């Protein structure tokens, strides 16, 4: 029994059979019902889509990593200090639940078409998105179609009901940035710069807000010249720090992630300055290499294993129970003191 046989028995074309199996919307309901009755009667199981129609659960989850920068020249996963630990943690948690992970990189807008097809042809039972820009249209479309989705780093906007139908997991970015900035203030720093991450990502937006709020609460004027745009990469940290030091000389820099801190260290040292004697720096994430840098990096620890576990477990709960389970988790962060900051006299 093949798709041609199903088409003949249902009195439709082979392409119509394919559209029904892949759950396309442009099929009359009467035709869809007729095709599905034939599929069920003859137990037609050509691939994952039909297996799900036959009631056999697909135990595969898609992991979609969004990175449209050209900095890494196609090596976004292997060179990322963020994607690699997340991928490992998600795979570990899914395997413990008897699920497999299909990993895919989205490097341009056209790749989203492939992502949608993965959902539409039922190759996966749900998907986890990492590295998204806040309020990504393509992901909203997938959620609107009723597919099960978990998103890392996404605001649940009060005016955007679509996100109440998904699982959202965020680090406590705002309070983490506030803690980092307040720590620098507490040890005597008043002239504190900030190098941001990608401007359209929630984590970057909230970390900038936390930095500004800490300054404001301590009655320190916000100097826009001390805020330099970065891109969450080593190179962007290096370039942003060079740009900063060509105009200003802060006593401390809060960087929106540790990868940029690596670039900042090199830029500071090339400028003939020492860390922390001349400039204190503090990062965010606490990636593995942070404690091995010279000097070891003071940073805000992001609990990646917990974030991965929350996303995977909530998504699998939704899949196994065939429910529209939704949640919005915020994972606490922690200040890790090392040697890249020093106290100065007020």
C-alpha atoms as a PDB file:
ATOM      1  CA  UNK A   1       0.000   0.000   0.000  1.00  0.00           C
ATOM      2  CA  UNK A   2       1.465   3.336  -1.091  1.00  0.00           C
ATOM      3  CA  UNK A   3       0.247   6.897  -1.485  1.00  0.00           C
ATOM      4  CA  UNK A   4      -0.972   6.211  -5.048  1.00  0.00           C
ATOM      5  CA  UNK A   5      -3.179   3.395  -3.742  1.00  0.00           C
ATOM      6  CA  UNK A   6      -4.549   5.650  -0.994  1.00  0.00           C
ATOM      7  CA  UNK A   7      -5.268   8.346  -3.585  1.00  0.00           C
ATOM      8  CA  UNK A   8      -7.214   5.939  -5.810  1.00  0.00           C
ATOM      9  CA  UNK A   9      -9.262   4.528  -2.931  1.00  0.00           C
ATOM     10  CA  UNK A  10     -10.110   8.032  -1.681  1.00  0.00           C
ATOM     11  CA  UNK A  11     -10.780   9.370  -5.184  1.00  0.00           C
ATOM     12  CA  UNK A  12      -8.229  12.152  -4.921  1.00  0.00           C
ATOM     13  CA  UNK A  13      -4.804  13.006  -6.295  1.00  0.00           C
ATOM     14  CA  UNK A  14      -1.561  11.851  -4.715  1.00  0.00           C
ATOM     15  CA  UNK A  15      -0.685  15.474  -3.863  1.00  0.00           C
ATOM     16  CA  UNK A  16      -3.964  15.789  -1.955  1.00  0.00           C
ATOM     17  CA  UNK A  17      -3.048  12.727   0.103  1.00  0.00           C
ATOM     18  CA  UNK A  18       0.299  14.356   0.880  1.00  0.00           C
ATOM     19  CA  UNK A  19      -1.371  17.621   1.922  1.00  0.00           C
ATOM     20  CA  UNK A  20      -3.786  15.802   4.223  1.00  0.00           C
ATOM     21  CA  UNK A  21      -1.030  13.742   5.868  1.00  0.00           C
ATOM     22  CA  UNK A  22       1.115  16.844   6.349  1.00  0.00           C
ATOM     23  CA  UNK A  23      -1.854  18.741   7.809  1.00  0.00           C
ATOM     24  CA  UNK A  24      -1.996  21.549   5.255  1.00  0.00           C
ATOM     25  CA  UNK A  25      -4.967  23.854   5.703  1.00  0.00           C
ATOM     26  CA  UNK A  26      -5.917  24.180   2.013  1.00  0.00           C
ATOM     27  CA  UNK A  27      -7.883  20.906   1.868  1.00  0.00           C
ATOM     28  CA  UNK A  28     -11.717  20.788   2.064  1.00  0.00           C
ATOM     29  CA  UNK A  29     -12.843  19.198   5.312  1.00  0.00           C
ATOM     30  CA  UNK A  30     -14.921  16.545   3.531  1.00  0.00           C
ATOM     31  CA  UNK A  31     -11.905  15.522   1.431  1.00  0.00           C
ATOM     32  CA  UNK A  32      -9.636  15.451   4.471  1.00  0.00           C
ATOM     33  CA  UNK A  33     -12.072  13.197   6.324  1.00  0.00           C
ATOM     34  CA  UNK A  34     -12.333  10.790   3.355  1.00  0.00           C
ATOM     35  CA  UNK A  35      -8.564  10.476   3.013  1.00  0.00           C
ATOM     36  CA  UNK A  36      -8.026   9.943   6.734  1.00  0.00           C
ATOM     37  CA  UNK A  37     -10.674   7.212   6.793  1.00  0.00           C
ATOM     38  CA  UNK A  38      -8.779   5.336   4.066  1.00  0.00           C
ATOM     39  CA  UNK A  39      -5.440   5.898   5.833  1.00  0.00           C
ATOM     40  CA  UNK A  40      -6.865   4.490   9.055  1.00  0.00           C
ATOM     41  CA  UNK A  41      -8.636   1.556   7.377  1.00  0.00           C
ATOM     42  CA  UNK A  42      -5.499   0.352   5.580  1.00  0.00           C
ATOM     43  CA  UNK A  43      -3.053   1.397   8.323  1.00  0.00           C
ATOM     44  CA  UNK A  44      -1.011   3.423   5.858  1.00  0.00           C
ATOM     45  CA  UNK A  45       2.269   4.383   7.603  1.00  0.00           C
ATOM     46  CA  UNK A  46       4.805   5.895   5.181  1.00  0.00           C
ATOM     47  CA  UNK A  47       6.755   8.134   7.604  1.00  0.00           C
ATOM     48  CA  UNK A  48       6.526  10.122  10.812  1.00  0.00           C
ATOM     49  CA  UNK A  49       3.412  12.016   9.769  1.00  0.00           C
ATOM     50  CA  UNK A  50       1.404   8.873   9.170  1.00  0.00           C
ATOM     51  CA  UNK A  51       2.695   7.230  12.306  1.00  0.00           C
ATOM     52  CA  UNK A  52       1.204  10.081  14.272  1.00  0.00           C
ATOM     53  CA  UNK A  53      -2.071   9.791  12.354  1.00  0.00           C
ATOM     54  CA  UNK A  54      -2.098   6.126  13.307  1.00  0.00           C
ATOM     55  CA  UNK A  55      -1.758   7.091  16.980  1.00  0.00           C
ATOM     56  CA  UNK A  56       1.917   6.202  17.438  1.00  0.00           C
ATOM     57  CA  UNK A  57       3.664   8.969  19.376  1.00  0.00           C
ATOM     58  CA  UNK A  58       6.665  10.665  17.783  1.00  0.00           C
ATOM     59  CA  UNK A  59       9.316  10.951  20.496  1.00  0.00           C
ATOM     60  CA  UNK A  60      11.503  13.542  18.782  1.00  0.00           C
ATOM     61  CA  UNK A  61      11.897  17.201  19.742  1.00  0.00           C
ATOM     62  CA  UNK A  62      13.460  19.834  17.508  1.00  0.00           C
ATOM     63  CA  UNK A  63      16.147  22.125  18.924  1.00  0.00           C
ATOM     64  CA  UNK A  64      16.449  25.238  16.766  1.00  0.00           C
ATOM     65  CA  UNK A  65      19.374  27.574  17.391  1.00  0.00           C
ATOM     66  CA  UNK A  66      18.936  31.011  15.844  1.00  0.00           C
ATOM     67  CA  UNK A  67      22.110  32.871  14.884  1.00  0.00           C
ATOM     68  CA  UNK A  68      22.077  35.050  11.789  1.00  0.00           C
ATOM     69  CA  UNK A  69      25.417  36.755  12.388  1.00  0.00           C
ATOM     70  CA  UNK A  70      28.231  36.253   9.918  1.00  0.00           C
ATOM     71  CA  UNK A  71      30.962  36.546  12.571  1.00  0.00           C
ATOM     72  CA  UNK A  72      31.391  32.779  12.917  1.00  0.00           C
ATOM     73  CA  UNK A  73      31.302  31.995   9.175  1.00  0.00           C
ATOM     74  CA  UNK A  74      29.104  28.910   9.531  1.00  0.00           C
ATOM     75  CA  UNK A  75      30.591  27.736  12.839  1.00  0.00           C
ATOM     76  CA  UNK A  76      27.902  29.152  15.110  1.00  0.00           C
ATOM     77  CA  UNK A  77      27.561  26.019  17.242  1.00  0.00           C
ATOM     78  CA  UNK A  78      31.177  24.937  17.629  1.00  0.00           C
ATOM     79  CA  UNK A  79      32.390  28.470  18.418  1.00  0.00           C
ATOM     80  CA  UNK A  80      29.530  29.478  20.697  1.00  0.00           C
ATOM     81  CA  UNK A  81      29.968  29.467  24.473  1.00  0.00           C
ATOM     82  CA  UNK A  82      26.178  29.657  24.771  1.00  0.00           C
ATOM     83  CA  UNK A  83      24.744  27.121  22.301  1.00  0.00           C
ATOM     84  CA  UNK A  84      27.079  24.249  23.168  1.00  0.00           C
ATOM     85  CA  UNK A  85      26.206  23.873  26.885  1.00  0.00           C
ATOM     86  CA  UNK A  86      22.508  24.418  26.150  1.00  0.00           C
ATOM     87  CA  UNK A  87      22.545  21.732  23.474  1.00  0.00           C
ATOM     88  CA  UNK A  88      24.259  19.232  25.772  1.00  0.00           C
ATOM     89  CA  UNK A  89      21.857  19.935  28.643  1.00  0.00           C
ATOM     90  CA  UNK A  90      18.776  19.676  26.439  1.00  0.00           C
ATOM     91  CA  UNK A  91      19.918  16.381  24.899  1.00  0.00           C
ATOM     92  CA  UNK A  92      20.706  14.927  28.343  1.00  0.00           C
ATOM     93  CA  UNK A  93      17.318  15.885  29.766  1.00  0.00           C
ATOM     94  CA  UNK A  94      15.387  14.669  26.725  1.00  0.00           C
ATOM     95  CA  UNK A  95      17.193  11.313  26.623  1.00  0.00           C
ATOM     96  CA  UNK A  96      16.313  10.697  30.266  1.00  0.00           C
ATOM     97  CA  UNK A  97      12.659  11.040  29.243  1.00  0.00           C
ATOM     98  CA  UNK A  98      13.045   8.703  26.266  1.00  0.00           C
ATOM     99  CA  UNK A  99      13.047  11.492  23.675  1.00  0.00           C
ATOM    100  CA  UNK A 100      15.525  12.220  20.900  1.00  0.00           C
ATOM    101  CA  UNK A 101      16.667  15.703  19.833  1.00  0.00           C
ATOM    102  CA  UNK A 102      16.835  16.886  16.227  1.00  0.00           C
ATOM    103  CA  UNK A 103      19.318  19.792  16.207  1.00  0.00           C
ATOM    104  CA  UNK A 104      19.138  22.476  13.535  1.00  0.00           C
ATOM    105  CA  UNK A 105      20.799  25.871  13.005  1.00  0.00           C
ATOM    106  CA  UNK A 106      18.867  28.835  11.609  1.00  0.00           C
ATOM    107  CA  UNK A 107      21.370  31.157   9.916  1.00  0.00           C
ATOM    108  CA  UNK A 108      19.045  33.205   7.704  1.00  0.00           C
ATOM    109  CA  UNK A 109      15.374  34.015   7.199  1.00  0.00           C
ATOM    110  CA  UNK A 110      14.965  31.287   4.550  1.00  0.00           C
ATOM    111  CA  UNK A 111      15.934  28.657   7.137  1.00  0.00           C
ATOM    112  CA  UNK A 112      12.673  29.368   8.953  1.00  0.00           C
ATOM    113  CA  UNK A 113      10.835  27.759   6.016  1.00  0.00           C
ATOM    114  CA  UNK A 114      12.694  24.536   6.769  1.00  0.00           C
ATOM    115  CA  UNK A 115      11.853  24.880  10.455  1.00  0.00           C
ATOM    116  CA  UNK A 116       8.156  25.256   9.670  1.00  0.00           C
ATOM    117  CA  UNK A 117       8.218  22.213   7.408  1.00  0.00           C
ATOM    118  CA  UNK A 118       9.727  20.159  10.240  1.00  0.00           C
ATOM    119  CA  UNK A 119       6.668  20.988  12.336  1.00  0.00           C
ATOM    120  CA  UNK A 120       4.140  20.704   9.502  1.00  0.00           C
ATOM    121  CA  UNK A 121       5.288  17.259   8.318  1.00  0.00           C
ATOM    122  CA  UNK A 122       5.272  16.040  11.942  1.00  0.00           C
ATOM    123  CA  UNK A 123       8.923  14.994  11.983  1.00  0.00           C
ATOM    124  CA  UNK A 124       8.909  16.357  15.540  1.00  0.00           C
ATOM    125  CA  UNK A 125       6.349  16.547  18.331  1.00  0.00           C
ATOM    126  CA  UNK A 126       7.516  19.947  19.586  1.00  0.00           C
ATOM    127  CA  UNK A 127      10.361  22.426  19.326  1.00  0.00           C
ATOM    128  CA  UNK A 128      12.729  24.432  21.519  1.00  0.00           C
ATOM    129  CA  UNK A 129      14.080  27.746  20.212  1.00  0.00           C
ATOM    130  CA  UNK A 130      17.295  29.355  21.468  1.00  0.00           C
ATOM    131  CA  UNK A 131      18.928  32.630  20.417  1.00  0.00           C
ATOM    132  CA  UNK A 132      15.726  34.184  19.097  1.00  0.00           C
ATOM    133  CA  UNK A 133      15.171  37.872  18.674  1.00  0.00           C
ATOM    134  CA  UNK A 134      12.348  39.023  20.906  1.00  0.00           C
ATOM    135  CA  UNK A 135       8.897  38.630  19.323  1.00  0.00           C
ATOM    136  CA  UNK A 136      10.102  36.644  16.286  1.00  0.00           C
ATOM    137  CA  UNK A 137       7.291  36.546  13.690  1.00  0.00           C
ATOM    138  CA  UNK A 138       8.140  33.110  12.262  1.00  0.00           C
ATOM    139  CA  UNK A 139       7.917  31.474  15.692  1.00  0.00           C
ATOM    140  CA  UNK A 140       4.606  33.213  16.417  1.00  0.00           C
ATOM    141  CA  UNK A 141       3.224  31.665  13.229  1.00  0.00           C
ATOM    142  CA  UNK A 142       4.223  28.187  14.406  1.00  0.00           C
ATOM    143  CA  UNK A 143       2.575  28.735  17.804  1.00  0.00           C
ATOM    144  CA  UNK A 144      -0.599  30.038  16.146  1.00  0.00           C
ATOM    145  CA  UNK A 145      -0.845  26.786  14.184  1.00  0.00           C
ATOM    146  CA  UNK A 146      -1.160  24.944  17.492  1.00  0.00           C
ATOM    147  CA  UNK A 147       2.288  23.338  17.638  1.00  0.00           C
ATOM    148  CA  UNK A 148       4.036  22.841  20.960  1.00  0.00           C
ATOM    149  CA  UNK A 149       6.890  25.292  21.440  1.00  0.00           C
ATOM    150  CA  UNK A 150       9.347  26.267  24.183  1.00  0.00           C
ATOM    151  CA  UNK A 151      11.373  29.473  23.816  1.00  0.00           C
ATOM    152  CA  UNK A 152      14.511  30.491  25.676  1.00  0.00           C
ATOM    153  CA  UNK A 153      14.843  34.289  26.042  1.00  0.00           C
ATOM    154  CA  UNK A 154      11.418  35.660  25.140  1.00  0.00           C
ATOM    155  CA  UNK A 155       9.204  38.290  26.773  1.00  0.00           C
ATOM    156  CA  UNK A 156       5.625  37.283  27.505  1.00  0.00           C
ATOM    157  CA  UNK A 157       4.023  40.524  26.405  1.00  0.00           C
ATOM    158  CA  UNK A 158       0.741  41.404  28.043  1.00  0.00           C
ATOM    159  CA  UNK A 159      -0.652  42.508  24.676  1.00  0.00           C
ATOM    160  CA  UNK A 160       0.554  39.385  22.851  1.00  0.00           C
ATOM    161  CA  UNK A 161      -1.780  36.522  23.811  1.00  0.00           C
ATOM    162  CA  UNK A 162       0.074  34.157  21.493  1.00  0.00           C
ATOM    163  CA  UNK A 163       2.849  33.611  24.039  1.00  0.00           C
ATOM    164  CA  UNK A 164       0.362  32.344  26.606  1.00  0.00           C
ATOM    165  CA  UNK A 165       0.146  29.265  24.371  1.00  0.00           C
ATOM    166  CA  UNK A 166       3.855  28.449  24.655  1.00  0.00           C
ATOM    167  CA  UNK A 167       6.522  27.636  27.245  1.00  0.00           C
ATOM    168  CA  UNK A 168       8.927  30.468  28.013  1.00  0.00           C
ATOM    169  CA  UNK A 169      12.154  30.113  30.010  1.00  0.00           C
ATOM    170  CA  UNK A 170      14.253  33.146  30.888  1.00  0.00           C
ATOM    171  CA  UNK A 171      17.176  33.883  33.156  1.00  0.00           C
ATOM    172  CA  UNK A 172      16.604  36.714  35.606  1.00  0.00           C
ATOM    173  CA  UNK A 173      18.514  39.051  33.314  1.00  0.00           C
ATOM    174  CA  UNK A 174      17.313  42.325  34.818  1.00  0.00           C
ATOM    175  CA  UNK A 175      18.223  41.476  38.410  1.00  0.00           C
ATOM    176  CA  UNK A 176      21.481  39.870  37.312  1.00  0.00           C
ATOM    177  CA  UNK A 177      22.554  43.072  35.567  1.00  0.00           C
ATOM    178  CA  UNK A 178      21.387  45.110  38.551  1.00  0.00           C
ATOM    179  CA  UNK A 179      23.504  42.919  40.873  1.00  0.00           C
ATOM    180  CA  UNK A 180      26.560  43.280  38.631  1.00  0.00           C
ATOM    181  CA  UNK A 181      26.289  47.060  38.475  1.00  0.00           C
ATOM    182  CA  UNK A 182      25.436  47.412  42.171  1.00  0.00           C
ATOM    183  CA  UNK A 183      28.467  45.274  43.049  1.00  0.00           C
ATOM    184  CA  UNK A 184      30.735  47.688  41.164  1.00  0.00           C
ATOM    185  CA  UNK A 185      29.085  50.662  42.861  1.00  0.00           C
ATOM    186  CA  UNK A 186      29.471  49.031  46.293  1.00  0.00           C
ATOM    187  CA  UNK A 187      33.240  48.711  45.795  1.00  0.00           C
ATOM    188  CA  UNK A 188      33.566  52.361  44.886  1.00  0.00           C
ATOM    189  CA  UNK A 189      33.002  52.643  41.117  1.00  0.00           C
ATOM    190  CA  UNK A 190      30.962  55.549  39.775  1.00  0.00           C
ATOM    191  CA  UNK A 191      32.194  55.688  36.173  1.00  0.00           C
ATOM    192  CA  UNK A 192      30.807  52.369  34.896  1.00  0.00           C
ATOM    193  CA  UNK A 193      30.507  51.488  31.194  1.00  0.00           C
ATOM    194  CA  UNK A 194      28.257  48.839  29.676  1.00  0.00           C
ATOM    195  CA  UNK A 195      28.766  46.821  26.487  1.00  0.00           C
ATOM    196  CA  UNK A 196      25.418  45.438  25.331  1.00  0.00           C
ATOM    197  CA  UNK A 197      24.530  42.238  23.498  1.00  0.00           C
ATOM    198  CA  UNK A 198      22.318  41.942  20.397  1.00  0.00           C
ATOM    199  CA  UNK A 199      19.918  44.865  20.615  1.00  0.00           C
ATOM    200  CA  UNK A 200      16.842  42.822  19.580  1.00  0.00           C
ATOM    201  CA  UNK A 201      17.310  39.994  22.108  1.00  0.00           C
ATOM    202  CA  UNK A 202      15.432  40.081  25.402  1.00  0.00           C
ATOM    203  CA  UNK A 203      18.481  39.190  27.506  1.00  0.00           C
ATOM    204  CA  UNK A 204      20.398  42.164  26.109  1.00  0.00           C
ATOM    205  CA  UNK A 205      17.449  44.527  26.555  1.00  0.00           C
ATOM    206  CA  UNK A 206      16.876  43.465  30.174  1.00  0.00           C
ATOM    207  CA  UNK A 207      20.572  43.575  31.081  1.00  0.00           C
ATOM    208  CA  UNK A 208      20.821  47.127  29.792  1.00  0.00           C
ATOM    209  CA  UNK A 209      17.713  48.037  31.804  1.00  0.00           C
ATOM    210  CA  UNK A 210      19.161  46.485  34.970  1.00  0.00           C
ATOM    211  CA  UNK A 211      22.410  48.412  34.510  1.00  0.00           C
ATOM    212  CA  UNK A 212      20.558  51.710  34.095  1.00  0.00           C
ATOM    213  CA  UNK A 213      18.262  51.063  37.064  1.00  0.00           C
ATOM    214  CA  UNK A 214      21.197  50.372  39.397  1.00  0.00           C
ATOM    215  CA  UNK A 215      22.850  53.637  38.340  1.00  0.00           C
ATOM    216  CA  UNK A 216      19.601  55.531  38.749  1.00  0.00           C
ATOM    217  CA  UNK A 217      18.894  54.049  42.187  1.00  0.00           C
ATOM    218  CA  UNK A 218      22.343  55.215  43.298  1.00  0.00           C
ATOM    219  CA  UNK A 219      21.807  58.694  41.815  1.00  0.00           C
ATOM    220  CA  UNK A 220      24.545  58.184  39.219  1.00  0.00           C
ATOM    221  CA  UNK A 221      23.859  59.926  35.916  1.00  0.00           C
ATOM    222  CA  UNK A 222      23.491  57.658  32.881  1.00  0.00           C
ATOM    223  CA  UNK A 223      26.164  58.610  30.352  1.00  0.00           C
ATOM    224  CA  UNK A 224      25.183  57.310  26.907  1.00  0.00           C
ATOM    225  CA  UNK A 225      28.821  57.595  25.809  1.00  0.00           C
ATOM    226  CA  UNK A 226      29.591  54.772  28.227  1.00  0.00           C
ATOM    227  CA  UNK A 227      27.058  52.430  26.574  1.00  0.00           C
ATOM    228  CA  UNK A 228      28.507  50.643  23.537  1.00  0.00           C
ATOM    229  CA  UNK A 229      26.678  48.131  21.346  1.00  0.00           C
ATOM    230  CA  UNK A 230      28.059  44.602  21.111  1.00  0.00           C
ATOM    231  CA  UNK A 231      26.813  41.335  19.605  1.00  0.00           C
ATOM    232  CA  UNK A 232      27.468  38.701  22.287  1.00  0.00           C
ATOM    233  CA  UNK A 233      30.660  37.596  20.467  1.00  0.00           C
ATOM    234  CA  UNK A 234      34.349  37.746  21.395  1.00  0.00           C
ATOM    235  CA  UNK A 235      35.133  39.986  18.418  1.00  0.00           C
ATOM    236  CA  UNK A 236      32.312  42.393  19.237  1.00  0.00           C
ATOM    237  CA  UNK A 237      33.566  42.658  22.824  1.00  0.00           C
ATOM    238  CA  UNK A 238      37.046  43.464  21.560  1.00  0.00           C
ATOM    239  CA  UNK A 239      35.833  46.041  19.031  1.00  0.00           C
ATOM    240  CA  UNK A 240      33.370  47.666  21.435  1.00  0.00           C
ATOM    241  CA  UNK A 241      36.029  48.000  24.135  1.00  0.00           C
ATOM    242  CA  UNK A 242      38.478  49.536  21.665  1.00  0.00           C
ATOM    243  CA  UNK A 243      35.784  52.016  20.644  1.00  0.00           C
ATOM    244  CA  UNK A 244      34.996  52.807  24.278  1.00  0.00           C
ATOM    245  CA  UNK A 245      38.620  53.366  25.302  1.00  0.00           C
ATOM    246  CA  UNK A 246      39.258  55.640  22.332  1.00  0.00           C
ATOM    247  CA  UNK A 247      36.736  58.095  23.792  1.00  0.00           C
ATOM    248  CA  UNK A 248      36.367  57.407  27.507  1.00  0.00           C
ATOM    249  CA  UNK A 249      38.244  55.709  30.323  1.00  0.00           C
ATOM    250  CA  UNK A 250      35.773  54.224  32.784  1.00  0.00           C
ATOM    251  CA  UNK A 251      36.959  52.642  36.015  1.00  0.00           C
ATOM    252  CA  UNK A 252      34.789  49.576  35.347  1.00  0.00           C
ATOM    253  CA  UNK A 253      32.968  47.816  32.502  1.00  0.00           C
ATOM    254  CA  UNK A 254      29.927  45.561  32.794  1.00  0.00           C
ATOM    255  CA  UNK A 255      29.704  43.346  29.699  1.00  0.00           C
ATOM    256  CA  UNK A 256      26.467  41.655  28.708  1.00  0.00           C
ATOM    257  CA  UNK A 257      28.127  38.231  28.443  1.00  0.00           C
ATOM    258  CA  UNK A 258      31.406  36.462  29.168  1.00  0.00           C
ATOM    259  CA  UNK A 259      32.351  35.927  25.540  1.00  0.00           C
ATOM    260  CA  UNK A 260      32.550  39.674  25.040  1.00  0.00           C
ATOM    261  CA  UNK A 261      34.578  39.898  28.257  1.00  0.00           C
ATOM    262  CA  UNK A 262      37.260  37.729  26.617  1.00  0.00           C
ATOM    263  CA  UNK A 263      37.546  40.253  23.774  1.00  0.00           C
ATOM    264  CA  UNK A 264      37.483  43.127  26.255  1.00  0.00           C
ATOM    265  CA  UNK A 265      40.419  41.694  28.206  1.00  0.00           C
ATOM    266  CA  UNK A 266      42.530  41.595  25.065  1.00  0.00           C
ATOM    267  CA  UNK A 267      41.530  45.129  24.041  1.00  0.00           C
ATOM    268  CA  UNK A 268      42.304  46.522  27.510  1.00  0.00           C
ATOM    269  CA  UNK A 269      45.692  44.824  27.657  1.00  0.00           C
ATOM    270  CA  UNK A 270      46.580  46.028  24.163  1.00  0.00           C
ATOM    271  CA  UNK A 271      45.824  49.566  25.349  1.00  0.00           C
ATOM    272  CA  UNK A 272      48.525  49.216  27.993  1.00  0.00           C
ATOM    273  CA  UNK A 273      46.046  49.002  30.858  1.00  0.00           C
ATOM    274  CA  UNK A 274      45.787  46.357  33.556  1.00  0.00           C
ATOM    275  CA  UNK A 275      42.800  44.445  34.951  1.00  0.00           C
ATOM    276  CA  UNK A 276      41.720  45.165  37.655  1.00  0.00           C
ATOM    277  CA  UNK A 277      44.333  47.792  38.597  1.00  0.00           C
ATOM    278  CA  UNK A 278      43.233  50.245  35.890  1.00  0.00           C
ATOM    279  CA  UNK A 279      39.838  48.884  34.842  1.00  0.00           C
ATOM    280  CA  UNK A 280      37.562  46.373  36.578  1.00  0.00           C
ATOM    281  CA  UNK A 281      35.395  44.139  34.404  1.00  0.00           C
ATOM    282  CA  UNK A 282      32.407  41.945  35.147  1.00  0.00           C
ATOM    283  CA  UNK A 283      30.607  39.607  32.761  1.00  0.00           C
ATOM    284  CA  UNK A 284      27.417  37.560  32.586  1.00  0.00           C
ATOM    285  CA  UNK A 285      26.803  33.782  32.090  1.00  0.00           C
ATOM    286  CA  UNK A 286      29.792  32.233  33.942  1.00  0.00           C
ATOM    287  CA  UNK A 287      30.917  30.120  30.994  1.00  0.00           C
ATOM    288  CA  UNK A 288      33.438  27.358  31.693  1.00  0.00           C
ATOM    289  CA  UNK A 289      36.487  29.352  30.635  1.00  0.00           C
ATOM    290  CA  UNK A 290      35.613  32.356  32.846  1.00  0.00           C
ATOM    291  CA  UNK A 291      37.455  31.012  35.891  1.00  0.00           C
ATOM    292  CA  UNK A 292      40.582  30.282  33.819  1.00  0.00           C
ATOM    293  CA  UNK A 293      40.982  33.766  32.337  1.00  0.00           C
ATOM    294  CA  UNK A 294      43.776  36.037  33.548  1.00  0.00           C
ATOM    295  CA  UNK A 295      42.578  37.443  35.791  1.00  0.00           C
ATOM    296  CA  UNK A 296      39.698  35.020  36.580  1.00  0.00           C
ATOM    297  CA  UNK A 297      36.465  36.751  35.636  1.00  0.00           C
ATOM    298  CA  UNK A 298      33.927  38.071  38.119  1.00  0.00           C
ATOM    299  CA  UNK A 299      30.552  37.379  36.532  1.00  0.00           C
ATOM    300  CA  UNK A 300      26.862  36.566  36.938  1.00  0.00           C
ATOM    301  CA  UNK A 301      26.213  32.824  36.850  1.00  0.00           C
ATOM    302  CA  UNK A 302      23.453  31.658  34.508  1.00  0.00           C
ATOM    303  CA  UNK A 303      22.030  28.229  35.429  1.00  0.00           C
ATOM    304  CA  UNK A 304      21.927  26.695  31.947  1.00  0.00           C
ATOM    305  CA  UNK A 305      21.201  23.114  33.141  1.00  0.00           C
ATOM    306  CA  UNK A 306      18.128  24.288  35.064  1.00  0.00           C
ATOM    307  CA  UNK A 307      16.862  26.362  32.134  1.00  0.00           C
ATOM    308  CA  UNK A 308      17.300  23.410  29.775  1.00  0.00           C
ATOM    309  CA  UNK A 309      15.557  21.028  32.190  1.00  0.00           C
ATOM    310  CA  UNK A 310      12.582  23.363  32.599  1.00  0.00           C
ATOM    311  CA  UNK A 311      12.162  23.765  28.833  1.00  0.00           C
ATOM    312  CA  UNK A 312      12.481  20.048  28.065  1.00  0.00           C
ATOM    313  CA  UNK A 313      10.347  18.750  30.936  1.00  0.00           C
ATOM    314  CA  UNK A 314       7.527  21.238  30.359  1.00  0.00           C
ATOM    315  CA  UNK A 315       7.496  20.536  26.616  1.00  0.00           C
ATOM    316  CA  UNK A 316       7.448  16.758  27.107  1.00  0.00           C
ATOM    317  CA  UNK A 317       4.655  17.105  29.675  1.00  0.00           C
ATOM    318  CA  UNK A 318       2.632  18.973  27.065  1.00  0.00           C
ATOM    319  CA  UNK A 319       3.392  16.354  24.389  1.00  0.00           C
ATOM    320  CA  UNK A 320       2.749  13.278  26.554  1.00  0.00           C
ATOM    321  CA  UNK A 321      -0.546  14.640  27.875  1.00  0.00           C
ATOM    322  CA  UNK A 322      -1.519  16.099  24.503  1.00  0.00           C
ATOM    323  CA  UNK A 323      -2.331  19.300  26.368  1.00  0.00           C
ATOM    324  CA  UNK A 324      -1.870  22.995  25.724  1.00  0.00           C
ATOM    325  CA  UNK A 325       0.383  23.314  28.748  1.00  0.00           C
ATOM    326  CA  UNK A 326       2.016  26.733  28.982  1.00  0.00           C
ATOM    327  CA  UNK A 327       4.387  28.286  31.492  1.00  0.00           C
ATOM    328  CA  UNK A 328       6.653  31.269  32.033  1.00  0.00           C
ATOM    329  CA  UNK A 329       9.752  30.438  34.086  1.00  0.00           C
ATOM    330  CA  UNK A 330      12.366  32.895  35.358  1.00  0.00           C
ATOM    331  CA  UNK A 331      15.560  31.263  36.622  1.00  0.00           C
ATOM    332  CA  UNK A 332      17.566  32.996  39.359  1.00  0.00           C
ATOM    333  CA  UNK A 333      21.168  34.068  38.746  1.00  0.00           C
ATOM    334  CA  UNK A 334      24.111  34.445  41.139  1.00  0.00           C
ATOM    335  CA  UNK A 335      27.052  36.819  41.464  1.00  0.00           C
ATOM    336  CA  UNK A 336      30.396  34.981  41.290  1.00  0.00           C
ATOM    337  CA  UNK A 337      33.280  37.024  42.717  1.00  0.00           C
ATOM    338  CA  UNK A 338      36.743  36.359  41.277  1.00  0.00           C
ATOM    339  CA  UNK A 339      39.697  38.646  40.569  1.00  0.00           C
ATOM    340  CA  UNK A 340      38.722  40.966  37.683  1.00  0.00           C
ATOM    341  CA  UNK A 341      37.309  43.697  39.929  1.00  0.00           C
ATOM    342  CA  UNK A 342      38.972  45.794  42.602  1.00  0.00           C
ATOM    343  CA  UNK A 343      37.676  48.229  45.174  1.00  0.00           C
ATOM    344  CA  UNK A 344      38.597  51.884  44.742  1.00  0.00           C
ATOM    345  CA  UNK A 345      38.368  54.777  47.172  1.00  0.00           C
ATOM    346  CA  UNK A 346      35.167  56.739  46.993  1.00  0.00           C
END
